[in-house]
Amino acid sequence: MSSVPFMKDPTPENNFDVGDTVEVLADHEKGGDRVRGWVRGIVVQVDSKMVAVQFRVNVYLTDGWMVPDHILWFQQDSPHLRSPLKNRSSRSSVTTRADLL
């Protein structure tokens, strides 16, 4: 059998798995206001091209509509989807003496 030429290996390579915590650049609610920024979510479905991420906060489409099920879909290689940055130091470290008590 002759080999078939291809530019990219045809075996799918998923960057994310169901249950992974990710960060997404999207319109969302923060402190009662609508902002555009990075928000954490959980991967709920993955296929060869797309990743579905569910959020605990309200998220919005680019045309302004709120997403009722809190789930947005992204391409696997989207620049608006990333693994979370390391834990923020304010959450993981003791900042004042009162925190020790």
Protein backbone atom coordinates (compact mmCIF):
# COMPACT_ATOMS: atom_id res chain seq x y z
CA MET A 1 0.00 0.00 0.00
CA SER A 2 1.41 3.39 -0.93
CA SER A 3 1.74 6.04 1.73
CA VAL A 4 -0.53 9.05 1.58
CA PRO A 5 1.27 12.38 1.76
CA PHE A 6 0.06 14.81 4.39
CA MET A 7 1.31 18.04 5.87
CA LYS A 8 0.34 17.26 9.43
CA ASP A 9 0.16 13.98 11.29
CA PRO A 10 -3.49 12.85 11.03
CA THR A 11 -3.62 11.50 14.58
CA PRO A 12 -5.63 13.94 16.70
CA GLU A 13 -3.78 15.64 19.49
CA ASN A 14 -6.12 17.07 22.12
CA ASN A 15 -4.65 19.73 24.35
CA PHE A 16 -7.45 19.48 26.91
CA ASP A 17 -9.38 16.70 28.65
CA VAL A 18 -12.82 16.68 30.25
CA GLY A 19 -12.53 17.97 33.82
CA ASP A 20 -9.53 20.24 33.15
CA THR A 21 -9.65 23.76 34.54
CA VAL A 22 -8.93 26.35 31.85
CA GLU A 23 -9.01 30.11 31.42
CA VAL A 24 -10.94 31.77 28.62
CA LEU A 25 -10.89 35.34 27.31
CA ALA A 26 -14.58 36.25 27.23
CA ASP A 27 -17.19 38.78 28.28
CA HIS A 28 -18.44 37.82 31.75
CA GLU A 29 -19.85 39.25 34.97
CA LYS A 30 -17.47 40.31 37.72
CA GLY A 31 -18.66 42.22 40.76
CA GLY A 32 -22.01 42.95 39.14
CA ASP A 33 -20.41 44.51 36.06
CA ARG A 34 -19.88 43.09 32.61
CA VAL A 35 -16.17 42.90 31.79
CA ARG A 36 -13.94 41.36 29.13
CA GLY A 37 -11.11 39.34 30.56
CA TRP A 38 -9.81 35.92 31.53
CA VAL A 39 -12.30 33.78 33.42
CA ARG A 40 -11.88 30.23 34.74
CA GLY A 41 -14.06 27.39 33.58
CA ILE A 42 -14.12 23.60 33.37
CA VAL A 43 -13.84 21.56 30.19
CA VAL A 44 -17.07 19.55 29.78
CA GLN A 45 -16.62 18.14 26.26
CA VAL A 46 -13.73 17.65 23.83
CA ASP A 47 -13.58 16.46 20.25
CA SER A 48 -10.89 16.56 17.57
CA LYS A 49 -11.46 20.25 16.78
CA MET A 50 -13.48 21.85 19.57
CA VAL A 51 -13.53 22.27 23.36
CA ALA A 52 -16.66 23.07 25.40
CA VAL A 53 -16.07 25.07 28.58
CA GLN A 54 -18.67 25.63 31.31
CA PHE A 55 -18.54 28.57 33.73
CA ARG A 56 -20.05 29.38 37.11
CA VAL A 57 -20.58 33.03 36.17
CA ASN A 58 -22.70 34.51 33.42
CA VAL A 59 -20.84 34.66 30.11
CA TYR A 60 -21.82 36.58 26.97
CA LEU A 61 -21.47 36.14 23.22
CA THR A 62 -19.69 38.84 21.25
CA ASP A 63 -23.02 40.27 20.08
CA GLY A 64 -24.14 40.81 23.67
CA TRP A 65 -26.43 37.85 24.37
CA MET A 66 -25.99 36.00 27.65
CA VAL A 67 -25.33 32.28 27.24
CA PRO A 68 -28.11 30.53 29.22
CA ASP A 69 -26.28 27.23 29.85
CA HIS A 70 -22.95 28.94 30.72
CA ILE A 71 -21.14 26.86 28.06
CA LEU A 72 -18.94 28.31 25.31
CA TRP A 73 -17.23 26.35 22.52
CA PHE A 74 -13.67 27.09 21.36
CA GLN A 75 -11.36 25.63 18.76
CA GLN A 76 -8.57 23.47 20.21
CA ASP A 77 -5.93 25.98 19.08
CA SER A 78 -7.86 29.15 19.97
CA PRO A 79 -5.76 32.06 21.34
CA HIS A 80 -8.71 32.78 23.69
CA LEU A 81 -8.28 29.45 25.51
CA ARG A 82 -5.36 28.55 27.77
CA SER A 83 -4.33 26.43 30.69
CA PRO A 84 -4.66 28.42 33.91
CA LEU A 85 -1.72 30.40 35.15
CA LYS A 86 -0.16 29.15 38.35
CA ASN A 87 -2.17 29.80 41.51
CA ARG A 88 -2.27 33.47 42.28
CA SER A 89 -0.07 34.32 45.24
CA SER A 90 -2.88 36.22 46.98
CA ARG A 91 -4.93 33.04 47.21
CA SER A 92 -2.20 30.66 48.27
CA SER A 93 -0.01 32.70 50.59
CA VAL A 94 -0.52 34.34 53.96
CA THR A 95 -0.66 38.11 53.47
CA THR A 96 -1.30 39.49 56.96
CA ARG A 97 -0.77 38.47 60.56
CA ALA A 98 -4.55 38.14 60.98
CA ASP A 99 -4.53 35.33 58.44
CA LEU A 100 -2.34 33.28 60.78
CA LEU A 101 -4.98 33.26 63.53
